[in-house]
Amino acid sequence: MGQTPEQIIDGQRQDWNRVAGGWEKWDRFFDEQMACLNHRIVADARLRSGIKVLDLGSGTGYPALLGAQIVGMSGSVIGIDLAEQMLAAARRKAAGLKLSNVTFQTGDVTALPFETASFDAVTSRFCLMFLPEISKATAEIARVLKPGAWLSAAVWSVPEKNAYLTTPLAVIKQFIELPPPDPTAPGIFRLAKPGDLAKMLQDAGFVNIAEEEYLAEVRFPSGEEYYESLMDIAAPIQNLFTRLSTQQQTEARHRIVGSIGQYRRADDIALPIAVRMVAARKPFG
């Protein structure tokens, strides 16, 4: 028997709360590395001064914090996430940036606790592919958006273009058998195929749907730093590592660090990422 959506969500909540401390430790690094994505997401959502924005799966605060800087004091941003401990880090960052126009609350993206047509834009970075019931989420996004307002979402593209994500999986497979991922189950690559999310948004009534595969790199000073960040923040990888013996874990670390040497550039390691950027508009009237 498979898990119910409620069981999946509860497991995810536990996972992301567990790694919240790791995310906060690496916050500055990833905020810098992902800045280009954050700016692209808020641009595609047509953020402007004075509007009300909802950010889904805010984690430790981005792109909600960038959105708050754009909409200004006459606007507001609400960020929601499953994991209260991730949001606690987001609140600390908001306070550090002196942003009083952004609030964070726990919530389920498939049952948004907001009135119909109450937001001028919705943003989402690396959230939708983890949802057990994506169609419920797209219907909810359509409901809470005002007519003519935009959704902008980033999800991971195909595994073969994401060495940053797949390198540890390839190594772990050398030690234990991993079943092929169920293409309809929640996971990193659930919305990787071109057109998947776009079709769901079309079914939810969205128009002006635009999709682009956005290529970039995540850069690390060394293979060791890459490995450390992975083990601090990647809940799915952590879960797999617990299935290895201590000796296997040591060997896996050695192989992961070694295998990303192929991505070394002049002064750092540049690991490829490919992100599917999708924007869509709720029709007028």
Protein backbone atom coordinates (compact mmCIF):
# COMPACT_ATOMS: atom_id res chain seq x y z
CA MET A 1 0.00 0.00 0.00
CA GLY A 2 1.26 3.44 -0.85
CA GLN A 3 1.23 6.32 1.56
CA THR A 4 -1.73 8.68 1.76
CA PRO A 5 -1.14 12.34 0.81
CA GLU A 6 -1.38 13.18 4.52
CA GLN A 7 1.34 10.66 5.40
CA ILE A 8 3.59 11.96 2.62
CA ILE A 9 3.17 15.54 3.78
CA ASP A 10 3.82 14.61 7.41
CA GLY A 11 7.03 12.80 6.42
CA GLN A 12 8.16 15.81 4.40
CA ARG A 13 7.42 18.13 7.32
CA GLN A 14 9.64 16.01 9.58
CA ASP A 15 12.40 15.84 6.95
CA TRP A 16 12.54 19.58 6.30
CA ASN A 17 12.33 20.49 9.98
CA ARG A 18 15.26 18.12 10.57
CA VAL A 19 17.48 19.89 8.03
CA ALA A 20 16.42 23.45 8.94
CA GLY A 21 19.62 24.03 10.93
CA GLY A 22 21.70 22.95 7.95
CA TRP A 23 19.81 25.31 5.66
CA GLU A 24 20.43 28.20 8.02
CA LYS A 25 24.13 27.32 8.21
CA TRP A 26 24.40 27.44 4.39
CA ASP A 27 21.90 30.27 3.95
CA ARG A 28 24.21 33.01 2.76
CA PHE A 29 25.94 30.67 0.34
CA PHE A 30 22.72 29.50 -1.30
CA ASP A 31 21.12 32.95 -1.30
CA GLU A 32 24.08 34.10 -3.37
CA GLN A 33 24.11 31.01 -5.60
CA MET A 34 20.37 31.15 -6.29
CA ALA A 35 20.06 34.93 -6.64
CA CYS A 36 19.63 34.69 -10.41
CA LEU A 37 16.71 32.28 -9.96
CA ASN A 38 15.06 34.43 -7.30
CA HIS A 39 15.22 37.51 -9.51
CA ARG A 40 13.85 35.57 -12.47
CA ILE A 41 10.92 34.22 -10.42
CA VAL A 42 9.86 37.62 -9.08
CA ALA A 43 10.24 39.17 -12.54
CA ASP A 44 8.08 36.49 -14.16
CA ALA A 45 5.41 37.07 -11.49
CA ARG A 46 5.38 40.76 -12.52
CA LEU A 47 6.04 41.98 -8.98
CA ARG A 48 5.74 45.72 -8.49
CA SER A 49 5.36 48.25 -5.71
CA GLY A 50 2.24 48.04 -3.57
CA ILE A 51 0.95 44.55 -4.42
CA LYS A 52 0.09 41.54 -2.25
CA VAL A 53 2.15 38.40 -2.95
CA LEU A 54 1.92 34.78 -1.81
CA ASP A 55 5.10 32.66 -1.83
CA LEU A 56 4.66 28.89 -1.71
CA GLY A 57 7.23 26.63 -0.05
CA SER A 58 9.26 29.57 1.29
CA GLY A 59 11.66 27.45 3.30
CA THR A 60 14.21 29.80 4.83
CA GLY A 61 12.82 32.81 3.00
CA TYR A 62 13.52 33.05 -0.72
CA PRO A 63 12.13 34.35 -2.99
CA ALA A 64 9.68 35.83 -0.41
CA LEU A 65 12.29 38.20 1.05
CA LEU A 66 13.28 39.52 -2.37
CA GLY A 67 9.59 39.93 -3.18
CA ALA A 68 9.10 41.97 -0.01
CA GLN A 69 11.92 44.31 -1.03
CA ILE A 70 10.26 44.85 -4.41
CA VAL A 71 6.67 45.44 -3.28
CA GLY A 72 7.81 47.86 -0.59
CA MET A 73 5.99 49.04 2.51
CA SER A 74 2.79 49.70 0.57
CA GLY A 75 2.76 46.01 -0.42
CA SER A 76 3.02 42.73 1.48
CA VAL A 77 4.25 39.16 1.12
CA ILE A 78 3.01 36.04 2.88
CA GLY A 79 5.26 32.99 2.75
CA ILE A 80 3.99 29.53 3.62
CA ASP A 81 5.82 26.26 4.19
CA LEU A 82 5.26 22.92 5.90
CA ALA A 83 8.28 23.24 8.17
CA GLU A 84 7.98 25.65 11.09
CA GLN A 85 11.72 25.46 11.81
CA MET A 86 12.57 26.55 8.24
CA LEU A 87 10.20 29.50 8.63
CA ALA A 88 11.79 30.45 11.96
CA ALA A 89 15.03 30.96 10.01
CA ALA A 90 13.14 33.00 7.39
CA ARG A 91 11.75 35.28 10.12
CA ARG A 92 15.23 35.85 11.52
CA LYS A 93 16.43 36.84 8.05
CA ALA A 94 13.48 39.18 7.57
CA ALA A 95 14.29 40.87 10.88
CA GLY A 96 17.94 41.17 9.87
CA LEU A 97 16.88 42.84 6.62
CA LYS A 98 14.42 45.08 8.55
CA LEU A 99 11.52 43.86 6.42
CA SER A 100 8.24 44.31 8.29
CA ASN A 101 6.02 43.72 5.23
CA VAL A 102 6.62 39.96 5.05
CA THR A 103 5.09 37.28 7.28
CA PHE A 104 5.63 33.54 7.34
CA GLN A 105 3.18 30.85 8.40
CA THR A 106 2.90 27.08 8.20
CA GLY A 107 0.40 25.79 5.69
CA ASP A 108 -0.50 23.22 3.06
CA VAL A 109 -0.31 24.41 -0.55
CA THR A 110 -3.20 22.11 -1.52
CA ALA A 111 -5.59 23.84 0.93
CA LEU A 112 -4.59 27.51 1.11
CA PRO A 113 -6.10 29.36 4.10
CA PHE A 114 -6.85 32.52 2.10
CA GLU A 115 -9.87 34.14 0.54
CA THR A 116 -10.63 33.82 -3.16
CA ALA A 117 -8.97 36.47 -5.39
CA SER A 118 -6.87 37.89 -2.53
CA PHE A 119 -3.36 37.98 -4.12
CA ASP A 120 -1.82 40.00 -6.95
CA ALA A 121 0.91 37.40 -7.61
CA VAL A 122 2.05 33.93 -6.52
CA THR A 123 5.68 32.78 -6.54
CA SER A 124 7.14 29.34 -5.85
CA ARG A 125 10.71 28.00 -5.89
CA PHE A 126 11.30 24.23 -5.77
CA CYS A 127 8.02 23.38 -4.04
CA LEU A 128 5.39 22.11 -6.47
CA MET A 129 7.15 18.87 -7.47
CA PHE A 130 7.08 17.64 -3.87
CA LEU A 131 3.28 17.89 -3.55
CA PRO A 132 1.30 14.64 -3.51
CA GLU A 133 -1.65 16.33 -5.24
CA ILE A 134 -0.33 18.98 -7.62
CA SER A 135 -3.66 19.50 -9.36
CA LYS A 136 -5.23 20.51 -6.04
CA ALA A 137 -2.45 23.06 -5.59
CA THR A 138 -2.84 24.55 -9.08
CA ALA A 139 -6.60 24.87 -8.47
CA GLU A 140 -5.93 26.59 -5.15
CA ILE A 141 -3.38 28.96 -6.73
CA ALA A 142 -5.95 29.86 -9.40
CA ARG A 143 -8.55 30.45 -6.70
CA VAL A 144 -6.50 32.83 -4.52
CA LEU A 145 -5.11 34.88 -7.44
CA LYS A 146 -6.93 37.96 -8.64
CA PRO A 147 -8.06 37.96 -12.29
CA GLY A 148 -5.16 38.97 -14.53
CA ALA A 149 -2.53 38.09 -11.89
CA TRP A 150 0.53 35.90 -12.53
CA LEU A 151 2.00 32.74 -11.06
CA SER A 152 5.75 32.17 -11.44
CA ALA A 153 7.22 28.80 -10.45
CA ALA A 154 10.61 27.07 -10.60
CA VAL A 155 10.87 23.27 -10.57
CA TRP A 156 13.84 21.02 -11.32
CA SER A 157 14.35 19.92 -14.92
CA VAL A 158 15.60 16.49 -16.06
CA PRO A 159 18.15 14.49 -14.03
CA GLU A 160 20.76 14.28 -16.81
CA LYS A 161 21.18 18.07 -16.77
CA ASN A 162 21.38 18.32 -12.98
CA ALA A 163 24.73 16.89 -11.92
CA TYR A 164 24.46 19.01 -8.76
CA LEU A 165 21.54 16.81 -7.66
CA THR A 166 22.25 13.46 -9.31
CA THR A 167 25.95 12.91 -8.49
CA PRO A 168 25.29 11.59 -4.96
CA LEU A 169 22.42 9.41 -6.18
CA ALA A 170 24.68 7.80 -8.78
CA VAL A 171 27.22 6.98 -6.07
CA ILE A 172 24.64 5.66 -3.58
CA LYS A 173 23.33 3.32 -6.32
CA GLN A 174 26.76 1.67 -6.32
CA PHE A 175 26.06 0.43 -2.78
CA ILE A 176 22.31 -0.20 -2.58
CA GLU A 177 19.60 -0.86 -5.11
CA LEU A 178 17.30 2.10 -5.60
CA PRO A 179 13.98 1.41 -7.29
CA PRO A 180 13.33 3.57 -10.35
CA PRO A 181 11.37 6.63 -9.21
CA ASP A 182 7.63 6.56 -9.77
CA PRO A 183 7.10 9.35 -12.32
CA THR A 184 3.80 10.31 -10.67
CA ALA A 185 5.08 10.30 -7.07
CA PRO A 186 6.29 13.44 -5.26
CA GLY A 187 10.02 13.99 -5.72
CA ILE A 188 12.78 16.21 -7.05
CA PHE A 189 12.11 15.36 -10.71
CA ARG A 190 8.32 14.96 -10.59
CA LEU A 191 7.79 17.98 -12.91
CA ALA A 192 11.02 17.65 -14.89
CA LYS A 193 9.48 16.74 -18.23
CA PRO A 194 8.75 19.64 -20.63
CA GLY A 195 5.10 20.61 -20.57
CA ASP A 196 4.05 18.67 -17.45
CA LEU A 197 3.48 21.67 -15.16
CA ALA A 198 2.29 23.81 -18.08
CA LYS A 199 -0.44 21.24 -18.85
CA MET A 200 -1.57 21.19 -15.21
CA LEU A 201 -1.80 24.97 -15.19
CA GLN A 202 -3.73 24.94 -18.45
CA ASP A 203 -6.15 22.42 -16.92
CA ALA A 204 -6.56 24.78 -13.94
CA GLY A 205 -7.65 27.55 -16.31
CA PHE A 206 -4.43 29.55 -16.62
CA VAL A 207 -3.52 31.36 -19.86
CA ASN A 208 -0.39 32.99 -21.34
CA ILE A 209 1.65 30.02 -20.14
CA ALA A 210 5.38 30.35 -20.77
CA GLU A 211 8.01 27.72 -20.05
CA GLU A 212 11.79 27.82 -20.32
CA GLU A 213 14.61 25.53 -19.27
CA TYR A 214 17.01 27.78 -17.40
CA LEU A 215 20.64 26.62 -17.18
CA ALA A 216 23.06 27.71 -14.47
CA GLU A 217 25.74 26.37 -12.10
CA VAL A 218 26.13 26.03 -8.36
CA ARG A 219 29.73 26.79 -7.47
CA PHE A 220 31.77 25.35 -4.63
CA PRO A 221 35.37 26.05 -3.59
CA SER A 222 35.98 22.28 -3.19
CA GLY A 223 34.43 18.85 -3.46
CA GLU A 224 34.50 18.57 0.33
CA GLU A 225 32.35 21.70 0.69
CA TYR A 226 29.88 20.33 -1.84
CA TYR A 227 29.60 17.10 0.15
CA GLU A 228 29.18 18.94 3.47
CA SER A 229 26.41 21.16 2.12
CA LEU A 230 24.65 18.12 0.67
CA MET A 231 24.64 16.27 3.97
CA ASP A 232 23.47 19.35 5.84
CA ILE A 233 20.53 20.33 3.62
CA ALA A 234 19.44 17.47 1.35
CA ALA A 235 16.81 15.57 3.34
CA PRO A 236 16.22 12.95 0.58
CA ILE A 237 19.97 12.20 0.33
CA GLN A 238 20.28 12.02 4.12
CA ASN A 239 17.48 9.45 4.19
CA LEU A 240 19.32 7.25 1.66
CA PHE A 241 22.65 7.60 3.50
CA THR A 242 21.12 6.11 6.66
CA ARG A 243 20.77 2.85 4.73
CA LEU A 244 24.56 2.58 4.25
CA SER A 245 26.96 1.09 6.76
CA THR A 246 29.55 3.39 8.34
CA GLN A 247 32.21 1.97 6.04
CA GLN A 248 29.97 2.44 2.99
CA GLN A 249 29.25 6.03 4.02
CA THR A 250 32.98 6.79 4.20
CA GLU A 251 33.56 5.22 0.77
CA ALA A 252 30.51 7.00 -0.69
CA ARG A 253 31.83 10.34 0.54
CA HIS A 254 35.18 9.62 -1.11
CA ARG A 255 33.51 8.71 -4.41
CA ILE A 256 31.16 11.72 -4.41
CA VAL A 257 34.02 14.15 -3.79
CA GLY A 258 36.09 12.41 -6.46
CA SER A 259 33.37 12.28 -9.09
CA ILE A 260 32.63 15.99 -9.06
CA GLY A 261 36.28 16.74 -9.84
CA GLN A 262 35.27 16.62 -13.52
CA TYR A 263 33.40 19.90 -13.00
CA ARG A 264 36.44 21.78 -11.70
CA ARG A 265 37.08 25.14 -13.37
CA ALA A 266 40.00 27.52 -12.90
CA ASP A 267 39.14 28.54 -9.34
CA ASP A 268 36.13 26.50 -8.24
CA ILE A 269 33.83 23.58 -9.00
CA ALA A 270 30.82 24.51 -11.17
CA LEU A 271 28.05 21.93 -10.94
CA PRO A 272 25.38 22.20 -13.65
CA ILE A 273 21.74 22.78 -12.78
CA ALA A 274 18.73 22.96 -15.09
CA VAL A 275 15.54 24.56 -13.83
CA ARG A 276 12.14 24.60 -15.50
CA MET A 277 10.76 28.13 -15.18
CA VAL A 278 7.01 28.32 -15.75
CA ALA A 279 4.86 31.46 -15.67
CA ALA A 280 1.10 31.63 -16.18
CA ARG A 281 -1.70 34.15 -15.86
CA LYS A 282 -5.17 33.88 -14.37
CA PRO A 283 -7.53 35.15 -17.05
CA PHE A 284 -9.45 38.40 -16.61
CA GLY A 285 -13.14 38.10 -15.80
